Amino acid sequence: MKKRIAALFTILFAVCFFTGCGDSGSDENTLTVLNYGKYLDPKAIEMFEEETGIQVEYEEYITPENMYTKYKAGSIDYDLICTSDYMIEKLIQEGEILEINFDGFSNLSNLDSTYFEFSKSFDPENKYTVPYFFGTVGILYNKNMVDEEDMQSWDCLWNEKYKDQIIMADSVRDSFMAALKYKGYSLNTTEENQLLEAQEILIQQKPLVYSYLVDEAQDEMIGENAALALVYSGEAGYAIELNENLAYSVPKEGSNMWIDSWFLPKTCKHQENAEKFLDFLCRKEIAAMNFEYVYYATPNKALVESLEEELQNNTTIFPPKEVLDRCEVLKTLDETATAKYNELWKEIKSTD
């Protein structure tokens, strides 16, 4: 299963797998966890409970914004949350995250330090987070419907020969990312002239676009209803498994590398239990269970080195260093910049 297509398999609101959620602070032998839908093997939770005697109260959500709303509502004292880089940065800035005490960890060395370096873009001192899964944003394309050389540049999204065969992301930051990187700018820019330039080419692109989609993009590509789509690597990996005519590229101009990480929110009442669970997730065999369940790239180096060579060399799942070197991590924007992006996106979508 894939985190970003979880909405296809879950109901359209967070699912709580326990009763009495708001009472978690009354029992010291519990742990209240909030995570993306279908993003952790339930068997791993059972194993942790049996091993430690700690009862895990587990809840799911769909989007980082959904998580933020649930957390801020304050009805549940979450001990441990997993979410995406830019939302973690926002919560750190708001003083909503506790430092992790890594002294008791015995499995942290299994994680590749490369991903702690990437995490410094939102957790500068690596004090607050443990990386869980990561990936890229790129082009999912049908090898029988495109010239594969074209797919090595974001230019393909503006190529007239693919008119009515291009799927764009129905997402402000993702679509602006492609335009900004194509023009040689940072995906985190707040420079108005650069944003206006990106907006202009996104408006120019509209007559070429088949549809603006999010979760449905991989289904359209599997069904060969379009030639190329802007997607997350997880969606690409899933689609390629179901249609051998599909392939994935991260364009040469660079892209977004995203990281989903665990953190302790300020509401945490059972920090020792939360840290035990984090260390448990870093074990090679537990990371293997979650990798097989989610099938996104894992930062667990010990696990990756034990995988079959063919899987290790799957660059859709595990982007090589030269790809990661030209990627940026999405950063949270202040209110002014967010409003500007939204205003420009609204103008793009309303333009005939």
Protein backbone atom coordinates (compact mmCIF):
# COMPACT_ATOMS: atom_id res chain seq x y z
CA MET A 1 0.00 0.00 0.00
CA LYS A 2 1.10 3.58 -0.52
CA LYS A 3 0.64 6.42 1.93
CA ARG A 4 -0.41 8.96 -0.69
CA ILE A 5 -3.06 6.66 -2.15
CA ALA A 6 -4.37 5.73 1.29
CA ALA A 7 -7.53 7.70 0.60
CA LEU A 8 -8.46 4.99 -1.92
CA PHE A 9 -8.54 2.40 0.83
CA THR A 10 -9.75 4.33 3.85
CA ILE A 11 -12.92 6.21 4.59
CA LEU A 12 -12.80 9.95 4.17
CA PHE A 13 -12.07 10.72 7.78
CA ALA A 14 -9.52 9.52 10.29
CA VAL A 15 -10.18 6.05 11.64
CA CYS A 16 -9.74 5.45 15.35
CA PHE A 17 -8.93 1.85 16.23
CA PHE A 18 -9.63 2.18 19.90
CA THR A 19 -12.20 3.48 22.35
CA GLY A 20 -11.71 6.05 25.05
CA CYS A 21 -9.05 7.86 23.00
CA GLY A 22 -9.17 10.97 25.11
CA ASP A 23 -8.32 9.02 28.27
CA SER A 24 -4.86 7.88 27.18
CA GLY A 25 -3.12 9.97 29.81
CA SER A 26 -4.78 7.98 32.63
CA ASP A 27 -2.85 4.77 31.94
CA GLU A 28 0.94 4.78 32.08
CA ASN A 29 1.10 1.51 30.13
CA THR A 30 -0.27 3.00 26.91
CA LEU A 31 0.98 4.80 23.83
CA THR A 32 -1.24 6.98 21.63
CA VAL A 33 -0.05 7.11 18.01
CA LEU A 34 -1.27 9.17 15.03
CA ASN A 35 -0.08 8.18 11.56
CA TYR A 36 -0.97 8.33 7.86
CA GLY A 37 -3.48 5.73 6.70
CA LYS A 38 -2.06 2.30 5.78
CA TYR A 39 1.43 3.43 6.78
CA LEU A 40 2.42 0.84 9.41
CA ASP A 41 1.97 -2.92 9.45
CA PRO A 42 -0.63 -3.77 12.15
CA LYS A 43 1.37 -6.92 12.95
CA ALA A 44 4.27 -4.73 14.04
CA ILE A 45 2.02 -3.03 16.59
CA GLU A 46 0.91 -6.42 17.90
CA MET A 47 4.55 -7.50 18.24
CA PHE A 48 5.43 -4.34 20.16
CA GLU A 49 2.49 -4.80 22.52
CA GLU A 50 3.39 -8.44 23.19
CA GLU A 51 7.06 -7.61 23.75
CA THR A 52 6.62 -4.58 26.02
CA GLY A 53 3.15 -4.90 27.52
CA ILE A 54 2.45 -1.36 26.29
CA GLN A 55 -1.02 -0.96 24.78
CA VAL A 56 -0.88 1.02 21.54
CA GLU A 57 -3.87 3.23 20.83
CA TYR A 58 -3.58 3.86 17.09
CA GLU A 59 -5.31 6.40 14.87
CA GLU A 60 -4.97 7.28 11.17
CA TYR A 61 -5.39 10.43 9.08
CA ILE A 62 -5.17 11.30 5.37
CA THR A 63 -3.29 14.58 4.85
CA PRO A 64 -0.80 16.62 6.92
CA GLU A 65 -3.40 19.36 7.11
CA ASN A 66 -5.92 16.86 8.46
CA MET A 67 -3.36 15.78 11.05
CA TYR A 68 -2.69 19.40 12.05
CA THR A 69 -6.40 20.07 12.58
CA LYS A 70 -6.87 16.92 14.66
CA TYR A 71 -3.80 17.64 16.77
CA LYS A 72 -4.71 21.29 17.32
CA ALA A 73 -8.25 20.35 18.35
CA GLY A 74 -6.69 19.11 21.59
CA SER A 75 -9.22 16.36 22.26
CA ILE A 76 -6.59 13.62 22.33
CA ASP A 77 -3.16 13.67 23.98
CA TYR A 78 -1.08 12.10 21.23
CA ASP A 79 2.27 10.65 22.30
CA LEU A 80 3.76 10.05 18.85
CA ILE A 81 2.93 11.37 15.37
CA CYS A 82 4.27 10.68 11.89
CA THR A 83 3.87 13.34 9.20
CA SER A 84 5.67 15.18 6.40
CA ASP A 85 8.67 17.50 6.48
CA TYR A 86 7.00 20.88 5.92
CA MET A 87 4.30 20.24 8.51
CA ILE A 88 6.89 19.16 11.07
CA GLU A 89 8.79 22.39 10.41
CA LYS A 90 5.59 24.36 11.04
CA LEU A 91 5.00 22.57 14.36
CA ILE A 92 8.62 23.09 15.43
CA GLN A 93 8.25 26.80 14.73
CA GLU A 94 5.09 26.83 16.82
CA GLY A 95 6.86 25.15 19.77
CA GLU A 96 4.62 22.08 19.53
CA ILE A 97 7.33 19.38 19.44
CA LEU A 98 9.44 17.85 22.22
CA GLU A 99 13.09 16.85 21.95
CA ILE A 100 13.72 13.12 21.65
CA ASN A 101 16.04 11.50 24.18
CA PHE A 102 18.14 9.24 21.95
CA ASP A 103 20.28 7.88 24.82
CA GLY A 104 18.19 4.73 25.23
CA PHE A 105 18.09 3.84 21.52
CA SER A 106 19.93 0.70 20.42
CA ASN A 107 18.81 0.54 16.77
CA LEU A 108 19.25 4.12 15.57
CA SER A 109 22.53 3.24 13.87
CA ASN A 110 20.51 1.16 11.38
CA LEU A 111 19.35 4.42 9.78
CA ASP A 112 21.45 5.99 7.04
CA SER A 113 22.89 9.32 8.21
CA THR A 114 22.13 10.74 4.75
CA TYR A 115 18.48 11.12 5.71
CA PHE A 116 19.29 12.88 8.96
CA GLU A 117 21.24 15.35 6.84
CA PHE A 118 18.21 15.92 4.63
CA SER A 119 16.09 16.28 7.78
CA LYS A 120 18.17 19.25 8.86
CA SER A 121 16.21 21.35 6.37
CA PHE A 122 13.27 21.22 8.82
CA ASP A 123 14.95 19.89 12.00
CA PRO A 124 18.32 21.71 11.93
CA GLU A 125 19.85 19.96 14.95
CA ASN A 126 18.17 16.56 14.48
CA LYS A 127 16.66 16.95 17.93
CA TYR A 128 13.02 16.33 17.16
CA THR A 129 12.56 13.70 14.47
CA VAL A 130 13.31 10.17 13.28
CA PRO A 131 12.99 9.61 9.49
CA TYR A 132 10.54 6.88 8.49
CA PHE A 133 9.99 6.86 4.70
CA PHE A 134 11.10 9.11 1.86
CA GLY A 135 10.73 9.59 -1.87
CA THR A 136 10.69 12.01 -4.77
CA VAL A 137 8.29 13.77 -7.14
CA GLY A 138 8.73 13.15 -10.85
CA ILE A 139 7.21 12.04 -14.13
CA LEU A 140 5.34 8.76 -14.51
CA TYR A 141 5.14 8.03 -18.23
CA ASN A 142 4.04 5.40 -20.72
CA LYS A 143 7.04 4.16 -22.72
CA ASN A 144 4.83 3.41 -25.74
CA MET A 145 3.31 6.89 -25.83
CA VAL A 146 6.31 9.21 -25.36
CA ASP A 147 9.88 9.74 -26.40
CA GLU A 148 11.75 8.67 -23.25
CA GLU A 149 14.46 11.27 -23.83
CA ASP A 150 11.81 13.96 -23.42
CA MET A 151 11.02 12.65 -19.95
CA GLN A 152 14.44 13.65 -18.61
CA SER A 153 13.42 17.33 -18.42
CA TRP A 154 10.44 19.18 -16.98
CA ASP A 155 10.11 20.56 -20.49
CA CYS A 156 7.99 17.50 -21.30
CA LEU A 157 5.11 19.09 -19.39
CA TRP A 158 5.11 21.93 -21.91
CA ASN A 159 5.75 19.84 -25.02
CA GLU A 160 3.04 20.39 -27.67
CA LYS A 161 3.30 16.82 -28.94
CA TYR A 162 1.78 15.59 -25.66
CA LYS A 163 -1.27 17.86 -25.87
CA ASP A 164 -4.26 16.39 -23.98
CA GLN A 165 -2.04 13.59 -22.63
CA ILE A 166 -0.50 15.37 -19.62
CA ILE A 167 -1.75 14.95 -16.04
CA MET A 168 -0.75 17.73 -13.66
CA ALA A 169 -1.01 17.61 -9.88
CA ASP A 170 -4.07 19.36 -8.49
CA SER A 171 -1.76 20.82 -5.88
CA VAL A 172 -0.36 24.33 -5.46
CA ARG A 173 3.12 23.40 -4.25
CA ASP A 174 3.61 20.36 -6.50
CA SER A 175 2.60 22.11 -9.72
CA PHE A 176 4.57 25.24 -8.85
CA MET A 177 7.53 23.00 -7.99
CA ALA A 178 7.66 21.61 -11.53
CA ALA A 179 7.43 25.09 -13.08
CA LEU A 180 9.97 26.63 -10.71
CA LYS A 181 12.54 23.86 -11.15
CA TYR A 182 12.05 24.00 -14.94
CA LYS A 183 12.94 27.70 -14.80
CA GLY A 184 15.95 27.02 -12.55
CA TYR A 185 14.49 28.37 -9.30
CA SER A 186 14.14 26.91 -5.81
CA LEU A 187 10.89 25.11 -5.11
CA ASN A 188 10.76 27.11 -1.86
CA THR A 189 11.13 30.54 -3.45
CA THR A 190 9.02 33.45 -2.26
CA GLU A 191 10.41 35.89 -4.83
CA GLU A 192 7.39 37.44 -6.52
CA ASN A 193 9.01 37.76 -9.95
CA GLN A 194 9.94 34.06 -9.93
CA LEU A 195 6.44 33.05 -8.81
CA LEU A 196 4.86 35.19 -11.52
CA GLU A 197 7.13 33.61 -14.13
CA ALA A 198 6.10 30.15 -12.93
CA GLN A 199 2.45 31.19 -12.97
CA GLU A 200 2.77 32.43 -16.53
CA ILE A 201 4.09 29.14 -17.89
CA LEU A 202 1.52 27.14 -15.90
CA ILE A 203 -1.20 29.22 -17.56
CA GLN A 204 0.43 28.66 -20.94
CA GLN A 205 0.44 24.93 -20.21
CA LYS A 206 -3.29 24.62 -19.54
CA PRO A 207 -4.35 23.82 -23.15
CA LEU A 208 -1.98 20.82 -23.07
CA VAL A 209 -3.33 19.34 -19.82
CA TYR A 210 -5.60 16.30 -19.86
CA SER A 211 -6.55 16.73 -16.21
CA TYR A 212 -5.46 18.05 -12.81
CA LEU A 213 -5.50 15.11 -10.41
CA VAL A 214 -4.01 13.81 -7.16
CA ASP A 215 -4.89 10.26 -6.08
CA GLU A 216 -6.49 9.35 -9.40
CA ALA A 217 -3.38 10.06 -11.50
CA GLN A 218 -1.84 6.61 -11.12
CA ASP A 219 -5.15 4.96 -12.07
CA GLU A 220 -5.36 7.03 -15.24
CA MET A 221 -1.80 6.05 -16.11
CA ILE A 222 -2.40 2.37 -15.36
CA GLY A 223 -5.42 2.53 -17.65
CA GLU A 224 -3.28 4.25 -20.33
CA ASN A 225 -5.65 7.20 -20.53
CA ALA A 226 -2.72 9.66 -20.51
CA ALA A 227 0.91 9.62 -21.59
CA LEU A 228 2.59 11.26 -18.59
CA ALA A 229 1.75 12.49 -15.11
CA LEU A 230 3.31 14.50 -12.30
CA VAL A 231 3.29 12.09 -9.33
CA TYR A 232 5.03 10.98 -6.15
CA SER A 233 7.48 8.10 -6.47
CA GLY A 234 5.25 5.84 -4.38
CA GLU A 235 2.37 6.23 -6.80
CA ALA A 236 4.80 5.60 -9.64
CA GLY A 237 6.10 2.40 -8.05
CA TYR A 238 2.57 1.16 -7.48
CA ALA A 239 1.51 1.95 -11.06
CA ILE A 240 4.60 0.34 -12.60
CA GLU A 241 3.83 -2.88 -10.71
CA LEU A 242 0.44 -3.00 -12.46
CA ASN A 243 1.45 -1.83 -15.96
CA GLU A 244 4.83 -2.83 -17.38
CA ASN A 245 4.59 -0.10 -20.03
CA LEU A 246 5.10 2.57 -17.37
CA ALA A 247 8.35 4.09 -16.13
CA TYR A 248 9.43 6.95 -13.85
CA SER A 249 11.88 9.82 -14.17
CA VAL A 250 13.12 12.60 -11.89
CA PRO A 251 13.98 15.40 -14.35
CA LYS A 252 17.52 16.72 -14.64
CA GLU A 253 16.60 20.19 -13.37
CA GLY A 254 15.85 18.75 -9.94
CA SER A 255 12.74 18.07 -7.90
CA ASN A 256 11.27 17.62 -4.44
CA MET A 257 12.59 14.97 -2.08
CA TRP A 258 10.06 14.46 0.72
CA ILE A 259 10.66 12.84 4.10
CA ASP A 260 8.00 11.54 6.48
CA SER A 261 9.24 11.40 10.06
CA TRP A 262 8.15 10.61 13.59
CA PHE A 263 8.06 13.22 16.35
CA LEU A 264 6.85 13.67 19.93
CA PRO A 265 4.14 16.34 20.14
CA LYS A 266 3.86 18.62 23.13
CA THR A 267 0.82 16.61 24.25
CA CYS A 268 3.01 13.53 24.80
CA LYS A 269 2.29 11.99 28.20
CA HIS A 270 4.29 8.78 27.72
CA GLN A 271 7.65 9.85 26.33
CA GLU A 272 9.54 6.75 27.44
CA ASN A 273 6.97 4.50 25.74
CA ALA A 274 7.11 6.62 22.58
CA GLU A 275 10.91 6.38 22.44
CA LYS A 276 10.75 2.60 22.95
CA PHE A 277 8.38 2.39 20.00
CA LEU A 278 10.66 4.55 17.83
CA ASP A 279 13.64 2.35 18.64
CA PHE A 280 11.51 -0.71 17.90
CA LEU A 281 10.65 0.70 14.45
CA CYS A 282 14.35 1.14 13.71
CA ARG A 283 15.00 -2.59 14.03
CA LYS A 284 15.90 -4.20 10.74
CA GLU A 285 13.18 -6.88 10.90
CA ILE A 286 10.47 -4.38 11.88
CA ALA A 287 11.59 -1.96 9.17
CA ALA A 288 11.33 -4.89 6.74
CA MET A 289 7.73 -5.56 7.76
CA ASN A 290 6.78 -1.92 7.27
CA PHE A 291 8.68 -1.66 3.98
CA GLU A 292 6.83 -4.66 2.58
CA TYR A 293 3.53 -3.23 3.81
CA VAL A 294 4.03 0.32 2.46
CA TYR A 295 6.64 -0.19 -0.28
CA TYR A 296 8.12 3.29 -0.01
CA ALA A 297 11.83 3.97 0.32
CA THR A 298 13.14 3.27 3.80
CA PRO A 299 16.11 5.06 5.41
CA ASN A 300 16.96 1.82 7.22
CA LYS A 301 20.39 1.08 5.73
CA ALA A 302 20.66 -2.28 7.47
CA LEU A 303 17.47 -3.41 5.74
CA VAL A 304 18.32 -1.95 2.33
CA GLU A 305 21.69 -3.71 2.28
CA SER A 306 19.94 -7.04 2.85
CA LEU A 307 17.40 -6.65 0.02
CA GLU A 308 17.75 -8.46 -3.28
CA GLU A 309 20.02 -6.58 -5.67
CA GLU A 310 17.22 -6.02 -8.16
CA LEU A 311 15.13 -4.27 -5.51
CA GLN A 312 18.08 -2.23 -4.23
CA ASN A 313 18.62 -1.04 -7.80
CA ASN A 314 15.01 -0.03 -8.31
CA THR A 315 15.57 3.71 -8.75
CA THR A 316 11.86 4.51 -8.58
CA ILE A 317 11.76 3.27 -4.99
CA PHE A 318 15.36 4.06 -4.03
CA PRO A 319 16.54 7.22 -5.82
CA PRO A 320 20.32 7.21 -6.38
CA LYS A 321 22.57 9.82 -4.81
CA GLU A 322 22.90 11.79 -8.05
CA VAL A 323 19.11 12.22 -8.10
CA LEU A 324 18.88 13.20 -4.43
CA ASP A 325 21.71 15.68 -4.89
CA ARG A 326 19.56 17.73 -7.25
CA CYS A 327 16.47 17.60 -5.04
CA GLU A 328 15.20 19.96 -2.36
CA VAL A 329 13.02 19.32 0.67
CA LEU A 330 9.77 21.28 0.74
CA LYS A 331 9.74 23.94 3.46
CA THR A 332 6.78 25.49 5.19
CA LEU A 333 5.80 28.98 4.07
CA ASP A 334 4.72 31.91 6.21
CA GLU A 335 1.17 33.22 5.94
CA THR A 336 2.05 35.90 3.42
CA ALA A 337 3.85 33.50 1.07
CA THR A 338 1.13 30.87 1.45
CA ALA A 339 -1.53 33.41 0.55
CA LYS A 340 0.50 34.49 -2.50
CA TYR A 341 0.91 30.93 -3.79
CA ASN A 342 -2.81 30.27 -3.27
CA GLU A 343 -3.79 33.48 -5.04
CA LEU A 344 -1.62 32.67 -8.05
CA TRP A 345 -2.90 29.08 -8.18
CA LYS A 346 -6.50 30.23 -8.06
CA GLU A 347 -5.80 32.52 -11.01
CA ILE A 348 -4.22 29.63 -12.93
CA LYS A 349 -7.18 27.33 -12.36
CA SER A 350 -9.72 30.04 -13.29
CA THR A 351 -7.99 30.99 -16.54
CA ASP A 352 -9.64 29.70 -19.71
